[in-house]
Amino acid sequence: MKKQLLFIATIFISTLGFSQELECVEIFISEYIEGWSNNKAIELYNPTDEEIDLSNYRLYRYSNGSTSADETKQIDLEGIMPPISCYVIVIDQRDSTGTGQDAPVWDDLQAKADTFLCPEYEINNVMYFNGNDAIVLKNTSANPAYTVDRFGKVGEDPGTDGWNDVAPDYTFASNGETGWTKDHSLIRKSDVLIGDLEPGNTFKVGEQWDSIPPTLYDDEGNIIGGNWASVGVNT
């Protein structure tokens, strides 16, 4: 998925004569992990041929249909992303004795992390999304900051099971169909070249995302691990 995008974009631009402004110049969200308990992660992808300074970006969580995100629901990123690379953010719950809200992230997902964020919910809870919270990625190097990608629709509460792929409203709350964004992993489709810049637009999950099970099972139906094979893999 992630990762012939720059090559594809170059073909599109040279073939169709598009402006250079349509090249992949920003990072975007390439995978969304909303697994069982605290197995939560966001994968970012740098589709450009330049290093990206993550200190110019901030993640926001708009909880349960909120149109605003206070200081506890926004967090600045840091680090440098090399060209054509992934960066994995995992919720910072690693205490093996933790339970409930503090239950530890599974070891195999921890191993995928480039960074851990939000160890204390009361201080910052951006990474405590549960399928019905919109996540927005903004570039803060400009004033005002501008959206470079989103997951979900800001200002919409899709119901406890989140968004899905059923028209016309694409929410569990509206049509009662199976939710796609609660207890699921989603991976960006290979033909997505740039982020979704309109956080208030209808979120039609299947247009840009494929849903994959967050856990793996044996023949008896027992969970044997997390489905993290594609996380952090630049292929």
Protein backbone atom coordinates (compact mmCIF):
# COMPACT_ATOMS: atom_id res chain seq x y z
CA MET A 1 0.00 0.00 0.00
CA LYS A 2 2.18 2.80 1.28
CA LYS A 3 4.28 2.86 -1.04
CA GLN A 4 4.58 3.39 -4.50
CA LEU A 5 2.61 6.54 -3.98
CA LEU A 6 5.27 9.06 -4.95
CA PHE A 7 5.95 7.13 -8.12
CA ILE A 8 2.24 6.95 -8.94
CA ALA A 9 1.74 10.64 -8.23
CA THR A 10 4.62 11.55 -10.54
CA ILE A 11 3.04 9.53 -13.34
CA PHE A 12 -0.32 11.22 -12.81
CA ILE A 13 1.21 14.68 -12.83
CA SER A 14 3.44 14.16 -15.85
CA THR A 15 0.76 12.33 -17.84
CA LEU A 16 -2.16 14.63 -17.13
CA GLY A 17 -0.25 17.87 -16.92
CA PHE A 18 -1.36 18.69 -13.40
CA SER A 19 0.22 21.52 -11.45
CA GLN A 20 3.18 20.62 -9.27
CA GLU A 21 0.98 21.72 -6.36
CA LEU A 22 -0.72 18.32 -6.60
CA GLU A 23 2.43 16.40 -5.76
CA CYS A 24 2.64 14.55 -2.47
CA VAL A 25 4.14 17.22 -0.23
CA GLU A 26 2.58 16.30 3.11
CA ILE A 27 2.49 13.29 5.38
CA PHE A 28 -0.83 11.54 5.93
CA ILE A 29 -2.41 8.78 8.03
CA SER A 30 -1.76 5.41 6.40
CA GLU A 31 -3.00 3.00 9.06
CA TYR A 32 -5.44 3.23 11.97
CA ILE A 33 -5.30 0.65 14.76
CA GLU A 34 -8.27 0.54 17.13
CA GLY A 35 -7.78 -2.92 18.54
CA TRP A 36 -8.99 -4.68 21.63
CA SER A 37 -8.36 -2.76 24.88
CA ASN A 38 -5.42 -0.32 24.57
CA ASN A 39 -4.03 -1.68 21.32
CA LYS A 40 -4.26 1.71 19.63
CA ALA A 41 -1.88 3.18 17.08
CA ILE A 42 -1.64 5.65 14.22
CA GLU A 43 0.75 5.09 11.35
CA LEU A 44 1.89 8.12 9.35
CA TYR A 45 3.42 7.93 5.89
CA ASN A 46 5.84 10.33 4.22
CA PRO A 47 5.24 9.96 0.46
CA THR A 48 7.78 12.61 -0.52
CA ASP A 49 11.44 12.45 -1.46
CA GLU A 50 12.31 14.86 1.35
CA GLU A 51 12.76 14.51 5.10
CA ILE A 52 9.73 15.70 7.07
CA ASP A 53 10.10 17.47 10.42
CA LEU A 54 7.29 16.16 12.58
CA SER A 55 7.55 19.12 14.96
CA ASN A 56 5.49 20.98 12.35
CA TYR A 57 2.51 18.66 12.92
CA ARG A 58 -0.12 18.12 15.59
CA LEU A 59 -2.74 15.41 16.16
CA TYR A 60 -6.23 16.32 17.38
CA ARG A 61 -9.00 14.11 18.75
CA TYR A 62 -12.60 15.34 18.39
CA SER A 63 -14.46 13.16 20.85
CA ASN A 64 -18.00 11.82 20.37
CA GLY A 65 -19.15 14.42 17.85
CA SER A 66 -17.40 17.42 19.37
CA THR A 67 -16.47 20.32 17.10
CA SER A 68 -13.60 21.42 19.36
CA ALA A 69 -10.51 19.84 20.88
CA ASP A 70 -9.16 21.27 24.12
CA GLU A 71 -5.52 21.06 25.19
CA THR A 72 -5.93 17.51 26.47
CA LYS A 73 -7.06 16.44 22.99
CA GLN A 74 -4.22 17.81 20.88
CA ILE A 75 -0.58 16.84 20.89
CA ASP A 76 2.51 18.02 19.03
CA LEU A 77 4.64 15.43 17.26
CA GLU A 78 8.41 15.30 17.11
CA GLY A 79 11.14 13.57 15.17
CA ILE A 80 12.29 13.38 11.57
CA MET A 81 10.66 11.13 8.97
CA PRO A 82 12.99 10.02 6.17
CA PRO A 83 11.69 10.07 2.58
CA ILE A 84 9.23 7.32 1.65
CA SER A 85 8.88 6.07 5.21
CA CYS A 86 6.38 5.19 7.92
CA TYR A 87 6.18 6.47 11.49
CA VAL A 88 4.17 4.55 14.08
CA ILE A 89 2.62 6.24 17.11
CA VAL A 90 1.38 3.88 19.84
CA ILE A 91 -0.51 4.78 22.99
CA ASP A 92 1.88 4.83 25.96
CA GLN A 93 0.45 2.05 28.11
CA ARG A 94 3.29 -0.38 28.77
CA ASP A 95 2.98 -1.36 32.43
CA SER A 96 2.41 -5.13 32.41
CA THR A 97 0.44 -4.86 35.66
CA GLY A 98 -2.02 -2.33 34.23
CA THR A 99 -5.73 -3.06 33.95
CA GLY A 100 -8.82 -1.36 32.53
CA GLN A 101 -7.98 2.03 31.06
CA ASP A 102 -4.31 1.36 31.89
CA ALA A 103 -4.13 -2.12 30.34
CA PRO A 104 -0.83 -2.63 28.52
CA VAL A 105 -0.44 -2.57 24.77
CA TRP A 106 0.43 -6.04 23.49
CA ASP A 107 4.15 -6.65 23.10
CA ASP A 108 4.03 -7.20 19.36
CA LEU A 109 2.39 -3.81 18.80
CA GLN A 110 4.79 -2.12 21.21
CA ALA A 111 7.61 -3.48 19.07
CA LYS A 112 6.23 -1.58 16.07
CA ALA A 113 6.31 1.83 17.77
CA ASP A 114 8.53 4.70 16.72
CA THR A 115 7.14 6.68 19.65
CA PHE A 116 4.71 6.28 22.54
CA LEU A 117 2.31 9.09 23.43
CA CYS A 118 -0.28 9.95 26.09
CA PRO A 119 0.65 7.90 29.17
CA GLU A 120 -1.81 9.77 31.40
CA TYR A 121 -5.39 10.24 30.21
CA GLU A 122 -6.06 13.30 32.35
CA ILE A 123 -3.07 15.16 30.89
CA ASN A 124 -3.50 14.17 27.26
CA ASN A 125 -5.90 11.63 25.71
CA VAL A 126 -5.44 12.04 21.96
CA MET A 127 -4.51 8.37 21.60
CA TYR A 128 -7.56 7.12 23.55
CA PHE A 129 -9.82 7.05 20.48
CA ASN A 130 -12.38 4.24 20.39
CA GLY A 131 -13.88 4.21 16.92
CA ASN A 132 -16.31 7.12 17.21
CA ASP A 133 -13.78 9.95 17.59
CA ALA A 134 -12.54 11.98 14.64
CA ILE A 135 -8.74 12.22 14.36
CA VAL A 136 -7.26 15.20 12.51
CA LEU A 137 -3.65 15.78 11.50
CA LYS A 138 -2.67 19.43 11.02
CA ASN A 139 0.41 21.26 9.82
CA THR A 140 1.14 23.95 12.43
CA SER A 141 4.00 25.66 10.61
CA ALA A 142 1.47 28.11 9.15
CA ASN A 143 -0.88 30.46 11.00
CA PRO A 144 -3.55 29.30 11.15
CA ALA A 145 -2.66 25.62 11.15
CA TYR A 146 -4.21 23.67 8.29
CA THR A 147 -5.57 20.15 7.94
CA VAL A 148 -3.46 17.64 6.02
CA ASP A 149 -5.55 14.56 6.82
CA ARG A 150 -8.46 13.27 8.88
CA PHE A 151 -10.05 10.04 10.05
CA GLY A 152 -13.76 10.30 10.77
CA LYS A 153 -15.99 13.36 10.53
CA VAL A 154 -15.52 16.26 12.93
CA GLY A 155 -18.81 17.21 14.59
CA GLU A 156 -20.48 13.82 14.03
CA ASP A 157 -21.11 11.12 16.63
CA PRO A 158 -21.45 7.95 14.53
CA GLY A 159 -22.59 5.81 17.46
CA THR A 160 -20.70 3.41 19.69
CA ASP A 161 -19.58 1.19 16.79
CA GLY A 162 -18.35 4.09 14.69
CA TRP A 163 -18.46 4.74 10.97
CA ASN A 164 -19.14 2.19 8.25
CA ASP A 165 -19.68 1.92 4.50
CA VAL A 166 -23.48 2.07 4.28
CA ALA A 167 -25.05 5.02 2.46
CA PRO A 168 -26.35 7.62 2.85
CA ASP A 169 -25.04 8.51 6.30
CA TYR A 170 -22.23 5.96 6.74
CA THR A 171 -22.64 5.69 10.52
CA PHE A 172 -23.67 2.89 12.82
CA ALA A 173 -26.01 5.32 14.58
CA SER A 174 -27.95 5.94 11.35
CA ASN A 175 -28.27 2.48 9.86
CA GLY A 176 -27.35 -0.03 12.57
CA GLU A 177 -25.01 -1.95 10.31
CA THR A 178 -21.68 -3.30 11.46
CA GLY A 179 -19.23 -0.62 12.51
CA TRP A 180 -15.91 -0.36 10.70
CA THR A 181 -13.97 1.86 13.07
CA LYS A 182 -14.48 0.30 16.52
CA ASP A 183 -12.22 -2.65 17.36
CA HIS A 184 -10.87 -2.62 13.82
CA SER A 185 -7.68 -1.88 11.98
CA LEU A 186 -7.92 0.12 8.77
CA ILE A 187 -5.28 0.54 6.10
CA ARG A 188 -5.27 3.25 3.43
CA LYS A 189 -6.03 2.12 -0.10
CA SER A 190 -3.03 2.04 -2.43
CA ASP A 191 -4.49 4.67 -4.78
CA VAL A 192 -4.69 7.33 -2.04
CA LEU A 193 -2.00 9.87 -2.85
CA ILE A 194 -2.69 12.67 -0.37
CA GLY A 195 -4.60 13.17 2.86
CA ASP A 196 -8.28 14.01 3.18
CA LEU A 197 -8.33 17.77 3.67
CA GLU A 198 -12.01 18.25 4.64
CA PRO A 199 -12.59 17.06 8.23
CA GLY A 200 -16.24 18.18 8.22
CA ASN A 201 -17.24 16.26 5.10
CA THR A 202 -19.14 12.97 5.15
CA PHE A 203 -16.76 10.17 6.06
CA LYS A 204 -17.30 7.32 3.61
CA VAL A 205 -14.86 4.82 5.07
CA GLY A 206 -14.68 2.46 2.09
CA GLU A 207 -13.64 5.20 -0.34
CA GLN A 208 -10.13 5.46 1.08
CA TRP A 209 -9.77 2.65 3.62
CA ASP A 210 -9.76 -1.14 3.76
CA SER A 211 -10.79 -2.80 7.02
CA ILE A 212 -8.69 -5.65 8.39
CA PRO A 213 -9.30 -7.69 11.57
CA PRO A 214 -7.33 -6.30 14.53
CA THR A 215 -6.64 -9.74 15.98
CA LEU A 216 -5.69 -13.20 14.74
CA TYR A 217 -7.47 -16.40 15.81
CA ASP A 218 -6.70 -20.10 15.91
CA ASP A 219 -9.04 -22.81 14.60
CA GLU A 220 -10.91 -22.87 17.92
CA GLY A 221 -11.59 -19.14 17.82
CA ASN A 222 -9.04 -18.17 20.45
CA ILE A 223 -7.09 -14.94 19.99
CA ILE A 224 -3.46 -15.78 19.22
CA GLY A 225 -2.13 -12.30 18.55
CA GLY A 226 -2.60 -8.93 16.99
CA ASN A 227 -2.86 -8.30 13.28
CA TRP A 228 0.05 -5.88 13.07
CA ALA A 229 1.96 -7.33 10.11
CA SER A 230 1.45 -4.28 7.90
CA VAL A 231 2.14 -1.67 10.60
CA GLY A 232 5.35 0.26 10.02
CA VAL A 233 6.17 -1.69 6.87
CA ASN A 234 7.12 0.42 3.88
CA THR A 235 6.14 -1.92 1.04
